[in-house]
Each structure stands twice: as structure tokens, then as C-alpha cells.
C-alpha atoms as a PDB file:
ATOM      1  CA  MET A   1     -22.569  -1.821 -17.757  1.00  0.00           C
ATOM      2  CA  ALA A   2     -18.978  -2.701 -16.418  1.00  0.00           C
ATOM      3  CA  ARG A   3     -17.171  -0.258 -14.006  1.00  0.00           C
ATOM      4  CA  ILE A   4     -13.889   1.146 -15.265  1.00  0.00           C
ATOM      5  CA  ARG A   5     -10.960  -0.036 -12.798  1.00  0.00           C
ATOM      6  CA  THR A   6      -8.985   3.021 -11.875  1.00  0.00           C
ATOM      7  CA  PRO A   7      -6.120   3.318  -9.381  1.00  0.00           C
ATOM      8  CA  VAL A   8      -6.537   5.851  -6.654  1.00  0.00           C
ATOM      9  CA  VAL A   9      -3.086   7.199  -7.470  1.00  0.00           C
ATOM     10  CA  ALA A  10      -1.775   6.472 -10.762  1.00  0.00           C
ATOM     11  CA  GLY A  11       1.775   4.771 -10.825  1.00  0.00           C
ATOM     12  CA  TRP A  12       1.999   3.650  -7.176  1.00  0.00           C
ATOM     13  CA  PHE A  13       1.202  -0.150  -8.128  1.00  0.00           C
ATOM     14  CA  THR A  14       0.642  -2.220 -11.081  1.00  0.00           C
ATOM     15  CA  GLU A  15      -2.200  -4.812 -11.696  1.00  0.00           C
ATOM     16  CA  ASP A  16      -0.727  -6.887 -14.384  1.00  0.00           C
ATOM     17  CA  GLY A  17      -2.626 -10.108 -14.069  1.00  0.00           C
ATOM     18  CA  ASP A  18      -1.777 -12.094 -11.035  1.00  0.00           C
ATOM     19  CA  ASP A  19       1.351 -10.015 -10.346  1.00  0.00           C
ATOM     20  CA  PHE A  20      -0.093  -7.145  -8.351  1.00  0.00           C
ATOM     21  CA  ARG A  21       3.122  -4.994  -7.179  1.00  0.00           C
ATOM     22  CA  LEU A  22       3.698  -1.871  -5.337  1.00  0.00           C
ATOM     23  CA  LEU A  23       6.010   0.330  -7.449  1.00  0.00           C
ATOM     24  CA  GLY A  24       8.860   2.437  -6.052  1.00  0.00           C
ATOM     25  CA  THR A  25      11.770   3.999  -7.462  1.00  0.00           C
ATOM     26  CA  ARG A  26      15.617   3.158  -6.775  1.00  0.00           C
ATOM     27  CA  CYS A  27      18.322   5.752  -7.120  1.00  0.00           C
ATOM     28  CA  SER A  28      21.043   4.417  -9.528  1.00  0.00           C
ATOM     29  CA  ALA A  29      23.930   6.425  -7.452  1.00  0.00           C
ATOM     30  CA  CYS A  30      23.073   5.364  -3.683  1.00  0.00           C
ATOM     31  CA  ALA A  31      20.626   2.216  -4.439  1.00  0.00           C
ATOM     32  CA  SER A  32      17.838   4.175  -2.147  1.00  0.00           C
ATOM     33  CA  VAL A  33      14.458   2.907  -2.690  1.00  0.00           C
ATOM     34  CA  PHE A  34      11.335   5.249  -2.370  1.00  0.00           C
ATOM     35  CA  PHE A  35       7.781   4.637  -1.843  1.00  0.00           C
ATOM     36  CA  PRO A  36       5.707   6.477  -2.809  1.00  0.00           C
ATOM     37  CA  ARG A  37       7.737   6.790  -5.923  1.00  0.00           C
ATOM     38  CA  GLU A  38       9.940   9.677  -6.761  1.00  0.00           C
ATOM     39  CA  ASP A  39      10.195  11.072 -10.082  1.00  0.00           C
ATOM     40  CA  VAL A  40      12.508  14.280  -9.700  1.00  0.00           C
ATOM     41  CA  HIS A  41      15.550  13.578  -7.590  1.00  0.00           C
ATOM     42  CA  CYS A  42      16.847  11.317  -4.911  1.00  0.00           C
ATOM     43  CA  ARG A  43      15.570  11.950  -1.345  1.00  0.00           C
ATOM     44  CA  ASN A  44      18.649  10.621   0.399  1.00  0.00           C
ATOM     45  CA  PRO A  45      20.483  13.542   1.790  1.00  0.00           C
ATOM     46  CA  GLY A  46      23.755  11.935   1.659  1.00  0.00           C
ATOM     47  CA  CYS A  47      23.313  11.104  -2.224  1.00  0.00           C
ATOM     48  CA  ARG A  48      24.804  13.514  -4.872  1.00  0.00           C
ATOM     49  CA  GLY A  49      22.034  12.151  -7.121  1.00  0.00           C
ATOM     50  CA  GLY A  50      21.464   9.831  -9.893  1.00  0.00           C
ATOM     51  CA  GLY A  51      18.901   8.437 -12.153  1.00  0.00           C
ATOM     52  CA  LEU A  52      15.653   7.159 -10.652  1.00  0.00           C
ATOM     53  CA  ASP A  53      14.366   3.654 -12.054  1.00  0.00           C
ATOM     54  CA  GLU A  54      11.033   2.261 -11.518  1.00  0.00           C
ATOM     55  CA  VAL A  55      11.229  -0.967  -9.317  1.00  0.00           C
ATOM     56  CA  PRO A  56       8.670  -3.537  -8.249  1.00  0.00           C
ATOM     57  CA  LEU A  57       8.774  -3.780  -4.546  1.00  0.00           C
ATOM     58  CA  SER A  58       8.625  -6.948  -2.361  1.00  0.00           C
ATOM     59  CA  THR A  59       5.187  -8.458  -2.258  1.00  0.00           C
ATOM     60  CA  ARG A  60       5.702  -9.728   1.354  1.00  0.00           C
ATOM     61  CA  GLY A  61       6.567  -8.015   4.635  1.00  0.00           C
ATOM     62  CA  ARG A  62       6.235  -8.090   8.372  1.00  0.00           C
ATOM     63  CA  VAL A  63       3.876  -6.123  10.527  1.00  0.00           C
ATOM     64  CA  TRP A  64       5.827  -3.289  11.988  1.00  0.00           C
ATOM     65  CA  SER A  65       2.758  -1.652  13.669  1.00  0.00           C
ATOM     66  CA  TYR A  66      -0.944  -1.341  13.299  1.00  0.00           C
ATOM     67  CA  THR A  67      -3.898   0.566  14.512  1.00  0.00           C
ATOM     68  CA  ASP A  68      -7.734   0.935  14.483  1.00  0.00           C
ATOM     69  CA  GLY A  69      -8.929   3.500  12.039  1.00  0.00           C
ATOM     70  CA  ARG A  70     -12.087   4.618  13.832  1.00  0.00           C
ATOM     71  CA  TYR A  71     -12.552   7.723  11.872  1.00  0.00           C
ATOM     72  CA  ARG A  72     -13.700   8.874   8.394  1.00  0.00           C
ATOM     73  CA  PRO A  73     -10.501   9.291   6.395  1.00  0.00           C
ATOM     74  CA  PRO A  74      -9.722  12.445   4.392  1.00  0.00           C
ATOM     75  CA  SER A  75      -9.461  12.464   0.552  1.00  0.00           C
ATOM     76  CA  PRO A  76      -8.840  10.578  -1.722  1.00  0.00           C
ATOM     77  CA  TYR A  77     -10.985   7.997   0.513  1.00  0.00           C
ATOM     78  CA  VAL A  78     -14.724   8.323  -0.271  1.00  0.00           C
ATOM     79  CA  THR A  79     -17.356   7.494   2.369  1.00  0.00           C
ATOM     80  CA  ASP A  80     -21.153   8.030   2.362  1.00  0.00           C
ATOM     81  CA  PRO A  81     -21.778  10.356   5.375  1.00  0.00           C
ATOM     82  CA  GLU A  82     -25.225   8.791   5.513  1.00  0.00           C
ATOM     83  CA  LEU A  83     -24.007   5.343   6.118  1.00  0.00           C
ATOM     84  CA  PRO A  84     -22.483   4.140   9.533  1.00  0.00           C
ATOM     85  CA  TRP A  85     -18.890   4.200   9.474  1.00  0.00           C
ATOM     86  CA  GLU A  86     -17.005   0.949   9.432  1.00  0.00           C
ATOM     87  CA  PRO A  87     -13.547   0.862  11.283  1.00  0.00           C
ATOM     88  CA  TYR A  88     -10.608  -0.724   9.642  1.00  0.00           C
ATOM     89  CA  ALA A  89      -7.321  -1.978  10.632  1.00  0.00           C
ATOM     90  CA  LEU A  90      -4.328   0.165   9.250  1.00  0.00           C
ATOM     91  CA  ILE A  91      -1.045  -1.718   9.062  1.00  0.00           C
ATOM     92  CA  ALA A  92       2.656  -0.506   8.952  1.00  0.00           C
ATOM     93  CA  VAL A  93       4.670  -3.116   7.071  1.00  0.00           C
ATOM     94  CA  GLU A  94       8.434  -3.499   6.811  1.00  0.00           C
ATOM     95  CA  LEU A  95       8.862  -4.823   3.348  1.00  0.00           C
ATOM     96  CA  GLU A  96      11.245  -7.879   3.234  1.00  0.00           C
ATOM     97  CA  SER A  97      13.997  -6.811   0.830  1.00  0.00           C
ATOM     98  CA  GLU A  98      13.878  -3.004   1.036  1.00  0.00           C
ATOM     99  CA  ARG A  99      13.552  -2.803   4.809  1.00  0.00           C
ATOM    100  CA  MET A 100      11.320   0.355   4.509  1.00  0.00           C
ATOM    101  CA  VAL A 101       7.802   0.559   6.016  1.00  0.00           C
ATOM    102  CA  VAL A 102       4.615   1.050   3.918  1.00  0.00           C
ATOM    103  CA  LEU A 103       1.183   1.811   5.370  1.00  0.00           C
ATOM    104  CA  GLY A 104      -1.894   0.516   4.025  1.00  0.00           C
ATOM    105  CA  GLN A 105      -5.285  -0.844   4.913  1.00  0.00           C
ATOM    106  CA  ALA A 106      -5.867  -4.591   5.945  1.00  0.00           C
ATOM    107  CA  VAL A 107      -8.018  -6.505   3.959  1.00  0.00           C
ATOM    108  CA  PRO A 108     -11.811  -6.430   4.764  1.00  0.00           C
ATOM    109  CA  GLY A 109     -12.606  -8.564   7.683  1.00  0.00           C
ATOM    110  CA  VAL A 110      -9.076  -8.165   9.188  1.00  0.00           C
ATOM    111  CA  THR A 111      -9.184  -6.157  12.561  1.00  0.00           C
ATOM    112  CA  VAL A 112      -6.527  -5.220  15.156  1.00  0.00           C
ATOM    113  CA  ALA A 113      -7.547  -8.210  17.106  1.00  0.00           C
ATOM    114  CA  ASP A 114      -6.081 -10.521  14.148  1.00  0.00           C
ATOM    115  CA  LEU A 115      -2.528  -8.875  13.975  1.00  0.00           C
ATOM    116  CA  THR A 116       0.571  -9.013  15.794  1.00  0.00           C
ATOM    117  CA  VAL A 117       4.052  -7.202  15.365  1.00  0.00           C
ATOM    118  CA  GLY A 118       6.173  -9.482  13.242  1.00  0.00           C
ATOM    119  CA  MET A 119       3.168 -11.292  11.416  1.00  0.00           C
ATOM    120  CA  GLU A 120       3.832 -11.808   7.714  1.00  0.00           C
ATOM    121  CA  VAL A 121       1.596 -10.125   5.307  1.00  0.00           C
ATOM    122  CA  GLU A 122       1.464  -9.847   1.668  1.00  0.00           C
ATOM    123  CA  VAL A 123       0.206  -7.140  -0.670  1.00  0.00           C
ATOM    124  CA  VAL A 124      -3.014  -7.869  -2.664  1.00  0.00           C
ATOM    125  CA  PRO A 125      -5.309  -5.732  -4.887  1.00  0.00           C
ATOM    126  CA  GLY A 126      -8.098  -3.852  -3.093  1.00  0.00           C
ATOM    127  CA  VAL A 127     -11.009  -1.690  -3.610  1.00  0.00           C
ATOM    128  CA  LEU A 128     -11.093   1.757  -2.074  1.00  0.00           C
ATOM    129  CA  HIS A 129     -14.734   2.715  -3.374  1.00  0.00           C
ATOM    130  CA  GLU A 130     -17.215   2.180  -6.130  1.00  0.00           C
ATOM    131  CA  ASP A 131     -19.707   4.502  -7.749  1.00  0.00           C
ATOM    132  CA  ALA A 132     -21.766   3.798 -10.866  1.00  0.00           C
ATOM    133  CA  GLU A 133     -19.010   4.143 -13.402  1.00  0.00           C
ATOM    134  CA  THR A 134     -15.723   3.499 -11.457  1.00  0.00           C
ATOM    135  CA  THR A 135     -14.098   1.169  -9.301  1.00  0.00           C
ATOM    136  CA  TRP A 136     -11.457   2.872  -7.637  1.00  0.00           C
ATOM    137  CA  THR A 137      -8.453   0.360  -6.765  1.00  0.00           C
ATOM    138  CA  THR A 138      -5.728   0.687  -4.046  1.00  0.00           C
ATOM    139  CA  TRP A 139      -3.680  -2.155  -2.177  1.00  0.00           C
ATOM    140  CA  HIS A 140      -4.500  -3.824   1.064  1.00  0.00           C
ATOM    141  CA  TRP A 141      -2.334  -5.993   3.453  1.00  0.00           C
ATOM    142  CA  ARG A 142      -3.319  -9.887   3.954  1.00  0.00           C
ATOM    143  CA  PRO A 143      -1.946 -11.997   6.765  1.00  0.00           C
ATOM    144  CA  THR A 144      -0.168 -15.116   5.438  1.00  0.00           C
ATOM    145  CA  GLY A 145      -0.560 -16.922   8.951  1.00  0.00           C
ATOM    146  CA  ALA A 146       3.171 -16.869   9.405  1.00  0.00           C
ATOM    147  CA  VAL A 147       4.598 -15.346  12.438  1.00  0.00           C
ATOM    148  CA  LYS A 148       8.203 -14.326  13.217  1.00  0.00           C
END
């Protein structure tokens, strides 16, 4: 039986074919972009408010900061306490066009030893967890090889 692919958080990204994108919202009054998305009101304190439109975010950015995740993360991350914990690299990425920072895990196999501040990365689909029925999907950052 095939597993059902389910986003860990609905509406934060789209997996339409090869066009994997994080989804944010942009205020029509001040042009501020938000991620995670905002569906109620503009979070810019200097804005009088406007409509919020869904926008796909840049697929590339530069490593702003990074760290080693050496602890079992809280929900919605799922881990089996019976299995040994596998550390992962957590990357803060400044998106190319939006000039905002988005956190995410590096693709499996990339460690902090592989990363440098200013390195270009791209967003790609990732798997957070799988069980018998469901593949829980998320996003990962993958180095492109370009350094600033």
C-alpha cells in the first residue's frame, strides 16, 4: 500500500510537480512578506493594513547562520525513543529576493562541517517522518556549491 504524502504544516509549501516552493503572504499595502504565512493581518507595526496575498518565496538564498541539532526536537517532529538519535544541521537562510531569514533542516548527509556563512542553498522537498500510512513532508535546504 502506498503511503499518503501529507505536509507537516498545511499551506506552508507547495509540491506541484517539480516546482517545490515555500509559500508566504505579502501585504498589499506595505509589500511586507511573511513566513510562516499570515492569514489575518499585516504584522508590520508601521502598516495600516491591507489585503494579504499568497506568494511563492525564493527558491534560493544564502546561509545566514547554522547550528548542530543534537537533541530530540519537540512536536511536530517524530522520533522513536528506542532508536539512537541522529544529529542534523539546522540552517537559517536569508532568501534572495525577500531578504528575510527562514529556518530549516539541511538535506540528510549535510553536516555543519559542510556549511559556511554566505554559501548558496536551495529549498527542496524533504521527509520529516514516515509511518505505515503516511509520509510527512517538509522542506530542506541543499547547498548548491556557490559561495559568496
